[in-house]
Amino acid sequence: MVLSDYEKKRLENIKRNQDLLRSLQVPTINHESIDMKKTNTNTNSRIKKHIPKKRPTAPREPRRTSSRIRGIAPEDIEVDEKGGILKRVNAKERGDTEEFQPKRIDTLSDKDQANFMEILNNANRNHDDDYMDEVEPKVDPSLEPLKEQLENLRIRHPWMTVKMTPEKISCCLFHPNKTKLLAIAASASGHLSFWDVDNKDEADDPVVFSYRPNTKGITNAKFCMNDPSTLYTSSYDGTLQTFDMNSTKFGSITLADNYLISNFDITQDGNVIYFSTVSGELGIRDLRSDKTETLLDIRSKKVGCLHLNPVYTNLLVAASNDRTATIWDTRHLKSEKSFLQEITHGFATTSSYWSPNGRQLATTSYDDKLRVFDLNHAKSEVTLRGKISHNCHTGKWVTMFRTVWNENKRFGLDHPHFVVGNMNHPASVFSGETTSKITDLYDSERITAIPAVNEFHPTLDSLAMVSGNGSGRVVCWT
């Protein structure tokens, strides 16, 4: 058989490739030599996976059915002389939309209510009033003491993760109590859940109590500085609500209209709430008055984050999708003097938070930069201290990253630092003084999803942090 020149060359190439493959030596990987930071060293302990028990529910009706099955008479459609449709009576006019709307769940069963009340009574009774004490900041130039304490944080509960909400977590926090670890998580589906972290009985499931006070996503949840018994929440369903930790009852803050509320903050005395909307508006609601709120147009696009300076309390910062973080003076909001400074970012600004000592501002943006600014209080303006490259492209399924400062005065004042999620799965902690990374918190046996939402405990004598992800699961670092 005579081969053409092309076929001869092709056979030579195949033989050469085969010889090359035989000569290759694939190295053996020693997995024990890989140093994974924050891996759980207690390999003998059995980590349990928390799978919530399914509760019996009534059979769901089909969401889409014919008009005949739904009992809609032909008269609901008006036609002209030629049979053309003039008007369709909408669902709101028929009054049959309630069946297809998400239902609010603001009560528990009698058994769960009794158990939850016992937990809350312990938390409220043991609350330490030094949450409001003034502490003089003393900046430690050395990162080593703080780094050592952060690297001692471990996930010590017996469950791999704890399922708190059915959908992605939008915000999480701790009840500000020193002796009772009570973690709280809010979700994009309107759920608000409480987890008794102290209950670590391996024979039982984690103790979680869940409500659904909102029909749309909860955008923020926080306690007032001088009232740890009241939890405030905001939601895209247009409501500002309160949850009384003593009576486990929800209350509504009256607003003149249903705004799409994207975030809020509250003054330390609990008298005034500032809230933002997806339309770029700033709302001011004075809780001491029955008057309706004041609404101001401050940006052209959504304002996704608001934060009042904890020390210089007249300063308010707003992060917007128009690529800016802006600083306002709340004493002059109805005049031109209220606008103080505009800080431009490369893309949408997703968060902006003042440090607990009031002297710094940290922002996140979709331009993949974390920024830290220093405040010149005399001039009421900030100057850039440093930029940190950080992947902030979270996409649809992961909650947007936020630079959340450690507000615990025992740690956050001596050396201000903040935590932010990381697309590579750890929770990254950065120094506000050096604008450098202090450490990554990570446990390879437990963390399999991005811990996008993180917050430190505000009052404990030791560090503690809760982290939530896009599947509604959390872990607690202690």
Protein backbone atom coordinates (compact mmCIF):
# COMPACT_ATOMS: atom_id res chain seq x y z
CA MET A 1 0.00 0.00 0.00
CA VAL A 2 1.43 3.32 -1.06
CA LEU A 3 0.84 6.22 1.34
CA SER A 4 0.60 9.78 0.23
CA ASP A 5 2.96 12.39 1.62
CA TYR A 6 0.12 13.83 3.74
CA GLU A 7 -0.70 10.42 5.31
CA LYS A 8 3.01 9.73 6.02
CA LYS A 9 3.36 13.06 7.79
CA ARG A 10 0.19 12.41 9.80
CA LEU A 11 1.44 8.99 10.99
CA GLU A 12 4.78 10.51 12.00
CA ASN A 13 2.98 13.12 14.09
CA ILE A 14 0.84 10.48 15.82
CA LYS A 15 3.93 8.37 16.66
CA ARG A 16 5.78 11.44 17.95
CA ASN A 17 2.84 12.34 20.22
CA GLN A 18 2.63 8.78 21.58
CA ASP A 19 6.35 8.78 22.41
CA LEU A 20 5.95 12.14 24.14
CA LEU A 21 3.06 10.90 26.29
CA ARG A 22 5.06 7.83 27.41
CA SER A 23 7.94 10.04 28.48
CA LEU A 24 5.75 12.24 30.68
CA GLN A 25 5.83 11.53 34.43
CA VAL A 26 2.68 12.63 36.31
CA PRO A 27 3.77 13.78 39.79
CA THR A 28 2.01 12.35 42.83
CA ILE A 29 0.25 14.97 44.94
CA ASN A 30 0.75 14.72 48.69
CA HIS A 31 -2.60 16.05 49.95
CA GLU A 32 -1.39 16.05 53.55
CA SER A 33 1.22 18.67 52.70
CA ILE A 34 -1.35 21.19 51.47
CA ASP A 35 -1.82 23.89 54.08
CA MET A 36 -5.46 24.98 53.97
CA LYS A 37 -5.88 27.99 56.27
CA LYS A 38 -8.50 27.57 58.97
CA THR A 39 -9.17 23.88 58.25
CA ASN A 40 -10.77 22.18 61.23
CA THR A 41 -7.95 20.37 63.03
CA ASN A 42 -10.23 18.10 65.04
CA THR A 43 -10.55 15.37 62.43
CA ASN A 44 -11.99 12.87 64.90
CA SER A 45 -15.11 14.94 65.49
CA ARG A 46 -18.16 14.02 63.47
CA ILE A 47 -19.59 16.94 61.50
CA LYS A 48 -23.33 16.71 61.03
CA LYS A 49 -25.19 18.03 58.02
CA HIS A 50 -28.29 20.00 58.97
CA ILE A 51 -31.26 19.06 56.78
CA PRO A 52 -34.43 20.76 58.04
CA LYS A 53 -37.37 18.44 58.58
CA LYS A 54 -40.18 18.88 56.11
CA ARG A 55 -43.38 20.11 57.67
CA PRO A 56 -46.74 18.90 56.33
CA THR A 57 -48.32 21.45 54.03
CA ALA A 58 -51.61 21.61 52.22
CA PRO A 59 -51.54 20.57 48.55
CA ARG A 60 -50.69 23.52 46.36
CA GLU A 61 -53.15 24.62 43.72
CA PRO A 62 -51.85 25.01 40.17
CA ARG A 63 -50.57 28.54 39.69
CA ARG A 64 -51.96 28.77 36.15
CA THR A 65 -55.46 27.48 35.40
CA SER A 66 -58.08 28.24 32.81
CA SER A 67 -60.69 30.93 33.38
CA ARG A 68 -63.40 28.26 33.40
CA ILE A 69 -61.76 26.31 36.26
CA ARG A 70 -61.16 29.54 38.21
CA GLY A 71 -64.85 30.44 37.86
CA ILE A 72 -64.45 33.55 35.74
CA ALA A 73 -67.62 34.25 33.81
CA PRO A 74 -67.55 35.29 30.16
CA GLU A 75 -68.99 38.66 31.16
CA ASP A 76 -65.58 39.50 32.62
CA ILE A 77 -64.43 40.15 29.06
CA GLU A 78 -66.10 43.01 27.20
CA VAL A 79 -66.36 42.69 23.42
CA ASP A 80 -67.45 45.02 20.63
CA GLU A 81 -70.02 44.37 17.92
CA LYS A 82 -67.50 42.44 15.80
CA GLY A 83 -66.34 40.27 18.69
CA GLY A 84 -63.15 42.24 19.36
CA ILE A 85 -61.97 42.50 22.97
CA LEU A 86 -62.55 45.93 24.44
CA LYS A 87 -61.52 45.29 28.05
CA ARG A 88 -60.33 42.44 30.25
CA VAL A 89 -61.31 42.80 33.88
CA ASN A 90 -58.03 42.43 35.74
CA ALA A 91 -57.44 40.19 38.74
CA LYS A 92 -57.39 43.11 41.17
CA GLU A 93 -60.90 44.17 40.09
CA ARG A 94 -62.13 40.60 40.58
CA GLY A 95 -60.49 40.46 43.99
CA ASP A 96 -58.90 37.04 43.44
CA THR A 97 -55.19 38.00 43.72
CA GLU A 98 -54.79 37.08 47.38
CA GLU A 99 -54.66 33.36 46.60
CA PHE A 100 -51.55 33.84 44.47
CA GLN A 101 -49.64 36.23 46.73
CA PRO A 102 -46.96 35.10 49.21
CA LYS A 103 -48.41 34.72 52.70
CA ARG A 104 -47.03 36.51 55.75
CA ILE A 105 -46.14 34.27 58.70
CA ASP A 106 -45.82 36.33 61.87
CA THR A 107 -46.72 33.72 64.53
CA LEU A 108 -45.31 30.37 65.67
CA SER A 109 -46.98 27.23 66.94
CA ASP A 110 -47.73 27.15 70.68
CA LYS A 111 -44.81 24.79 71.35
CA ASP A 112 -42.30 26.78 69.30
CA GLN A 113 -43.58 30.01 70.82
CA ALA A 114 -42.94 28.74 74.37
CA ASN A 115 -39.44 27.51 73.48
CA PHE A 116 -38.54 30.71 71.66
CA MET A 117 -39.83 32.89 74.50
CA GLU A 118 -37.59 31.01 76.94
CA ILE A 119 -34.54 31.74 74.77
CA LEU A 120 -35.46 35.41 74.37
CA ASN A 121 -36.14 35.84 78.09
CA ASN A 122 -32.61 34.63 78.83
CA ALA A 123 -31.15 36.95 76.20
CA ASN A 124 -33.06 40.00 77.39
CA ARG A 125 -32.40 39.33 81.08
CA ASN A 126 -28.66 38.91 80.64
CA HIS A 127 -28.15 41.95 78.44
CA ASP A 128 -25.16 44.03 79.50
CA ASP A 129 -25.67 47.79 79.50
CA ASP A 130 -22.02 48.42 78.56
CA TYR A 131 -23.14 48.11 74.93
CA MET A 132 -23.60 51.89 75.13
CA ASP A 133 -20.48 52.71 77.16
CA GLU A 134 -17.99 55.18 75.72
CA VAL A 135 -14.55 53.71 75.03
CA GLU A 136 -11.56 55.86 74.15
CA PRO A 137 -9.95 54.50 70.96
CA LYS A 138 -6.29 53.56 71.25
CA VAL A 139 -4.98 52.49 67.86
CA ASP A 140 -2.50 49.64 68.10
CA PRO A 141 0.12 50.07 65.35
CA SER A 142 0.79 46.33 65.42
CA LEU A 143 -1.54 43.92 63.67
CA GLU A 144 -0.16 40.83 65.39
CA PRO A 145 -2.43 40.74 68.52
CA LEU A 146 -5.56 41.21 66.41
CA LYS A 147 -4.37 38.75 63.76
CA GLU A 148 -3.73 36.10 66.43
CA GLN A 149 -7.23 36.51 67.85
CA LEU A 150 -8.84 36.37 64.41
CA GLU A 151 -6.93 33.25 63.44
CA ASN A 152 -8.13 31.54 66.62
CA LEU A 153 -11.71 31.73 65.33
CA ARG A 154 -13.16 28.30 64.53
CA ILE A 155 -16.52 26.84 63.55
CA ARG A 156 -17.16 24.83 66.69
CA HIS A 157 -20.81 23.77 66.38
CA PRO A 158 -21.45 20.10 65.47
CA TRP A 159 -23.33 20.87 62.26
CA MET A 160 -21.53 21.54 59.02
CA THR A 161 -23.83 24.53 58.37
CA VAL A 162 -27.22 25.52 59.71
CA LYS A 163 -30.16 26.08 57.37
CA MET A 164 -31.90 29.27 58.53
CA THR A 165 -33.82 30.55 55.49
CA PRO A 166 -35.17 28.91 52.30
CA GLU A 167 -33.44 31.39 49.98
CA LYS A 168 -30.25 33.45 49.94
CA ILE A 169 -29.44 35.47 53.03
CA SER A 170 -29.56 39.23 52.53
CA CYS A 171 -28.28 40.24 55.99
CA CYS A 172 -27.33 38.64 59.30
CA LEU A 173 -26.45 39.83 62.78
CA PHE A 174 -26.30 38.87 66.46
CA HIS A 175 -28.56 39.94 69.28
CA PRO A 176 -26.37 42.38 71.29
CA ASN A 177 -26.21 40.15 74.36
CA LYS A 178 -22.94 39.07 75.97
CA THR A 179 -23.95 35.73 77.47
CA LYS A 180 -26.47 34.33 74.97
CA LEU A 181 -25.37 33.73 71.37
CA LEU A 182 -28.47 34.36 69.27
CA ALA A 183 -27.86 34.69 65.52
CA ILE A 184 -30.41 36.34 63.23
CA ALA A 185 -30.71 36.01 59.45
CA ALA A 186 -33.01 37.69 56.93
CA SER A 187 -33.55 36.45 53.40
CA ALA A 188 -34.42 37.49 49.87
CA SER A 189 -37.76 35.67 50.30
CA GLY A 190 -38.89 37.78 53.26
CA HIS A 191 -38.01 35.28 56.02
CA LEU A 192 -36.60 36.33 59.40
CA SER A 193 -35.01 33.51 61.41
CA PHE A 194 -33.39 33.13 64.84
CA TRP A 195 -30.79 30.48 65.77
CA ASP A 196 -29.83 29.58 69.34
CA VAL A 197 -26.12 29.05 68.72
CA ASP A 198 -25.47 28.01 72.34
CA ASN A 199 -27.58 24.87 71.91
CA LYS A 200 -24.99 22.40 70.56
CA ASP A 201 -26.54 19.06 71.49
CA GLU A 202 -25.35 16.66 68.78
CA ALA A 203 -28.42 14.48 69.31
CA ASP A 204 -30.76 17.29 68.28
CA ASP A 205 -31.19 19.53 65.28
CA PRO A 206 -30.08 23.15 65.69
CA VAL A 207 -32.73 25.30 67.38
CA VAL A 208 -34.04 27.63 64.68
CA PHE A 209 -37.27 29.64 64.72
CA SER A 210 -38.45 31.21 61.49
CA TYR A 211 -41.02 33.86 60.54
CA ARG A 212 -42.00 35.40 57.24
CA PRO A 213 -43.06 38.94 58.10
CA ASN A 214 -42.54 40.24 54.54
CA THR A 215 -43.84 39.14 51.17
CA LYS A 216 -40.66 40.33 49.42
CA GLY A 217 -36.98 40.39 50.30
CA ILE A 218 -35.78 41.91 53.57
CA THR A 219 -33.10 44.49 52.73
CA ASN A 220 -31.72 45.29 56.20
CA ALA A 221 -32.16 44.39 59.86
CA LYS A 222 -30.60 46.07 62.88
CA PHE A 223 -31.06 46.93 66.54
CA CYS A 224 -31.28 50.45 67.87
CA MET A 225 -28.25 51.35 69.98
CA ASN A 226 -30.28 52.22 73.09
CA ASP A 227 -32.97 49.55 72.73
CA PRO A 228 -31.69 45.99 72.18
CA SER A 229 -35.20 44.60 72.69
CA THR A 230 -36.47 45.97 69.35
CA LEU A 231 -35.30 44.70 65.97
CA TYR A 232 -36.00 46.94 62.97
CA THR A 233 -36.32 45.62 59.40
CA SER A 234 -36.90 47.04 55.92
CA SER A 235 -38.21 45.27 52.84
CA TYR A 236 -38.83 45.62 49.13
CA ASP A 237 -42.54 45.12 49.89
CA GLY A 238 -42.57 48.76 51.05
CA THR A 239 -42.66 48.22 54.81
CA LEU A 240 -40.56 49.23 57.81
CA GLN A 241 -41.29 46.85 60.66
CA THR A 242 -40.33 46.22 64.28
CA PHE A 243 -39.99 42.92 66.12
CA ASP A 244 -40.43 43.09 69.90
CA MET A 245 -37.95 40.64 71.45
CA ASN A 246 -40.00 40.57 74.68
CA SER A 247 -43.42 39.76 73.25
CA THR A 248 -42.34 38.25 69.86
CA LYS A 249 -44.80 40.56 68.14
CA PHE A 250 -44.34 42.41 64.86
CA GLY A 251 -45.30 46.04 64.42
CA SER A 252 -45.41 48.34 61.40
CA ILE A 253 -44.05 51.86 61.05
CA THR A 254 -46.64 53.87 59.19
CA LEU A 255 -45.58 55.30 55.83
CA ALA A 256 -47.61 57.36 53.40
CA ASP A 257 -46.85 55.09 50.45
CA ASN A 258 -45.39 51.69 49.60
CA TYR A 259 -41.85 52.57 48.59
CA LEU A 260 -39.41 49.94 47.34
CA ILE A 261 -37.16 50.32 50.40
CA SER A 262 -33.59 49.25 49.66
CA ASN A 263 -31.93 50.05 53.02
CA PHE A 264 -32.27 52.03 56.23
CA ASP A 265 -30.49 53.25 59.35
CA ILE A 266 -31.76 54.56 62.67
CA THR A 267 -30.40 57.21 65.04
CA GLN A 268 -28.82 56.05 68.29
CA ASP A 269 -31.71 57.39 70.34
CA GLY A 270 -34.19 55.47 68.18
CA ASN A 271 -36.20 58.57 67.25
CA VAL A 272 -35.57 58.94 63.51
CA ILE A 273 -35.29 56.39 60.70
CA TYR A 274 -33.58 57.24 57.41
CA PHE A 275 -34.48 54.92 54.52
CA SER A 276 -33.52 54.73 50.86
CA THR A 277 -35.43 53.53 47.80
CA VAL A 278 -34.62 51.91 44.48
CA SER A 279 -35.53 55.21 42.79
CA GLY A 280 -32.72 57.14 44.51
CA GLU A 281 -34.86 58.76 47.19
CA LEU A 282 -34.07 59.40 50.85
CA GLY A 283 -36.92 59.11 53.32
CA ILE A 284 -36.93 60.55 56.85
CA ARG A 285 -39.47 59.20 59.34
CA ASP A 286 -39.62 60.79 62.80
CA LEU A 287 -41.07 58.15 65.12
CA ARG A 288 -41.97 60.77 67.74
CA SER A 289 -44.57 62.26 65.42
CA ASP A 290 -47.65 60.99 63.60
CA LYS A 291 -46.75 63.07 60.58
CA THR A 292 -45.87 61.34 57.34
CA GLU A 293 -42.29 60.97 56.22
CA THR A 294 -40.22 63.48 54.28
CA LEU A 295 -38.99 62.21 50.91
CA LEU A 296 -36.03 63.77 49.06
CA ASP A 297 -34.54 62.95 45.65
CA ILE A 298 -30.82 62.62 46.33
CA ARG A 299 -29.62 60.39 43.45
CA SER A 300 -30.79 59.43 39.97
CA LYS A 301 -30.50 55.68 40.60
CA LYS A 302 -31.01 53.17 43.40
CA VAL A 303 -29.45 53.96 46.77
CA GLY A 304 -28.56 50.51 48.11
CA CYS A 305 -26.84 51.44 51.38
CA LEU A 306 -27.27 54.12 54.06
CA HIS A 307 -25.16 54.56 57.18
CA LEU A 308 -25.05 57.19 59.93
CA ASN A 309 -21.68 58.02 61.45
CA PRO A 310 -21.69 56.56 65.00
CA VAL A 311 -19.57 59.42 66.42
CA TYR A 312 -20.25 62.45 64.22
CA THR A 313 -23.95 61.64 64.14
CA ASN A 314 -24.97 64.35 61.66
CA LEU A 315 -23.00 62.68 58.84
CA LEU A 316 -24.90 60.27 56.59
CA VAL A 317 -23.29 58.33 53.72
CA ALA A 318 -25.27 56.87 50.81
CA ALA A 319 -24.00 54.32 48.25
CA SER A 320 -25.73 54.39 44.87
CA ASN A 321 -25.88 52.54 41.57
CA ASP A 322 -24.91 55.82 39.89
CA ARG A 323 -21.28 54.98 40.80
CA THR A 324 -21.07 57.31 43.77
CA ALA A 325 -20.92 57.40 47.53
CA THR A 326 -22.24 60.73 48.80
CA ILE A 327 -21.98 62.35 52.23
CA TRP A 328 -24.83 64.43 53.66
CA ASP A 329 -25.42 66.60 56.72
CA THR A 330 -28.70 65.47 58.30
CA ARG A 331 -29.11 68.83 60.06
CA HIS A 332 -29.75 70.61 56.75
CA LEU A 333 -31.41 68.00 54.57
CA LYS A 334 -33.99 70.44 53.21
CA SER A 335 -31.36 72.94 52.05
CA GLU A 336 -28.37 72.99 49.72
CA LYS A 337 -26.05 72.87 52.74
CA SER A 338 -26.95 69.22 53.27
CA PHE A 339 -24.77 67.96 50.38
CA LEU A 340 -21.14 67.71 51.49
CA GLN A 341 -19.18 65.45 49.13
CA GLU A 342 -19.46 63.05 46.20
CA ILE A 343 -16.99 60.16 45.84
CA THR A 344 -16.94 58.66 42.34
CA HIS A 345 -16.30 54.94 41.76
CA GLY A 346 -15.68 52.99 38.57
CA PHE A 347 -19.01 51.15 38.66
CA ALA A 348 -22.05 50.86 40.96
CA THR A 349 -21.21 51.41 44.64
CA THR A 350 -22.77 48.58 46.66
CA SER A 351 -21.92 49.59 50.22
CA SER A 352 -20.46 52.41 52.31
CA TYR A 353 -19.97 52.16 56.08
CA TRP A 354 -18.35 54.37 58.72
CA SER A 355 -15.89 52.74 61.11
CA PRO A 356 -16.94 52.42 64.79
CA ASN A 357 -14.58 55.26 65.77
CA GLY A 358 -16.22 57.47 63.11
CA ARG A 359 -12.91 58.39 61.51
CA GLN A 360 -12.93 56.16 58.44
CA LEU A 361 -15.22 55.13 55.61
CA ALA A 362 -15.04 51.86 53.66
CA THR A 363 -16.82 51.22 50.35
CA THR A 364 -17.31 48.36 47.90
CA SER A 365 -17.94 48.70 44.19
CA TYR A 366 -18.46 46.57 41.12
CA ASP A 367 -15.20 47.99 39.79
CA ASP A 368 -13.54 45.28 41.96
CA LYS A 369 -12.07 47.73 44.48
CA LEU A 370 -12.47 48.14 48.22
CA ARG A 371 -11.71 51.72 49.26
CA VAL A 372 -10.85 53.17 52.66
CA PHE A 373 -11.15 56.91 53.32
CA ASP A 374 -10.09 59.09 56.25
CA LEU A 375 -12.52 61.68 57.60
CA ASN A 376 -11.43 65.25 58.20
CA HIS A 377 -14.21 66.25 60.57
CA ALA A 378 -13.29 69.94 60.56
CA LYS A 379 -13.91 70.08 56.80
CA SER A 380 -16.63 67.39 56.77
CA GLU A 381 -14.89 65.59 53.92
CA VAL A 382 -12.98 62.38 53.34
CA THR A 383 -9.71 61.66 51.53
CA LEU A 384 -8.60 58.35 50.09
CA ARG A 385 -6.33 56.27 52.34
CA GLY A 386 -6.00 53.25 50.07
CA LYS A 387 -7.53 50.90 47.48
CA ILE A 388 -7.71 47.12 47.73
CA SER A 389 -8.19 44.91 44.66
CA HIS A 390 -11.04 42.49 45.40
CA ASN A 391 -13.40 40.56 43.11
CA CYS A 392 -16.87 42.00 43.79
CA HIS A 393 -18.70 40.44 40.82
CA THR A 394 -21.06 38.25 42.85
CA GLY A 395 -23.62 37.65 40.11
CA LYS A 396 -27.29 36.77 40.58
CA TRP A 397 -27.11 33.98 43.14
CA VAL A 398 -24.69 35.51 45.66
CA THR A 399 -25.58 38.47 47.89
CA MET A 400 -23.56 41.61 47.11
CA PHE A 401 -20.39 41.98 49.17
CA ARG A 402 -20.32 44.66 51.85
CA THR A 403 -17.45 46.06 53.91
CA VAL A 404 -18.80 45.47 57.42
CA TRP A 405 -16.72 46.89 60.28
CA ASN A 406 -16.29 45.07 63.58
CA GLU A 407 -18.39 47.28 65.89
CA ASN A 408 -17.28 45.49 69.06
CA LYS A 409 -15.59 48.27 71.04
CA ARG A 410 -13.10 45.86 72.61
CA PHE A 411 -11.59 45.12 69.21
CA GLY A 412 -12.93 47.55 66.58
CA LEU A 413 -11.65 50.72 68.26
CA ASP A 414 -8.07 49.68 69.03
CA HIS A 415 -7.46 48.70 65.43
CA PRO A 416 -10.45 49.26 63.10
CA HIS A 417 -11.00 46.34 60.72
CA PHE A 418 -13.76 45.08 58.45
CA VAL A 419 -14.86 41.78 56.92
CA VAL A 420 -16.03 41.17 53.35
CA GLY A 421 -17.02 38.06 51.39
CA ASN A 422 -14.60 36.43 48.95
CA MET A 423 -15.43 34.62 45.69
CA ASN A 424 -12.75 32.04 46.62
CA HIS A 425 -14.88 31.02 49.65
CA PRO A 426 -13.14 32.49 52.71
CA ALA A 427 -14.32 35.55 54.63
CA SER A 428 -11.55 38.13 54.30
CA VAL A 429 -10.67 40.56 57.10
CA PHE A 430 -8.86 43.82 56.27
CA SER A 431 -7.25 46.53 58.39
CA GLY A 432 -8.67 50.03 58.14
CA GLU A 433 -5.33 51.47 59.23
CA THR A 434 -2.99 49.69 56.82
CA THR A 435 -5.61 48.80 54.14
CA SER A 436 -4.01 45.35 53.98
CA LYS A 437 -5.49 41.91 54.52
CA ILE A 438 -5.15 40.60 58.06
CA THR A 439 -6.37 37.06 57.46
CA ASP A 440 -8.81 34.77 55.64
CA LEU A 441 -11.32 32.81 57.72
CA TYR A 442 -11.91 29.44 56.07
CA ASP A 443 -12.82 25.85 56.94
CA SER A 444 -12.47 23.47 53.99
CA GLU A 445 -14.62 20.76 55.62
CA ARG A 446 -17.62 22.99 56.18
CA ILE A 447 -17.61 25.95 53.81
CA THR A 448 -18.64 24.87 50.32
CA ALA A 449 -20.47 28.06 49.31
CA ILE A 450 -19.41 31.70 49.33
CA PRO A 451 -20.01 33.33 52.76
CA ALA A 452 -21.19 36.60 51.25
CA VAL A 453 -22.85 38.06 54.36
CA ASN A 454 -20.78 38.46 57.54
CA GLU A 455 -21.07 40.34 60.81
CA PHE A 456 -19.14 40.37 64.09
CA HIS A 457 -20.78 40.15 67.51
CA PRO A 458 -21.01 43.70 68.95
CA THR A 459 -20.51 43.07 72.69
CA LEU A 460 -18.73 39.78 73.50
CA ASP A 461 -15.45 39.81 75.43
CA SER A 462 -14.04 37.55 72.70
CA LEU A 463 -14.42 37.64 68.94
CA ALA A 464 -17.40 35.94 67.27
CA MET A 465 -18.78 36.20 63.74
CA VAL A 466 -21.74 34.83 61.79
CA SER A 467 -21.49 34.12 58.05
CA GLY A 468 -24.37 33.45 55.64
CA ASN A 469 -24.49 32.22 52.04
CA GLY A 470 -26.73 32.11 48.98
CA SER A 471 -28.54 28.92 49.96
CA GLY A 472 -29.82 30.23 53.29
CA ARG A 473 -27.17 28.51 55.41
CA VAL A 474 -24.96 30.04 58.10
CA VAL A 475 -21.95 29.17 60.25
CA CYS A 476 -20.78 30.77 63.49
CA TRP A 477 -17.12 31.51 64.22
CA THR A 478 -16.13 31.59 67.90
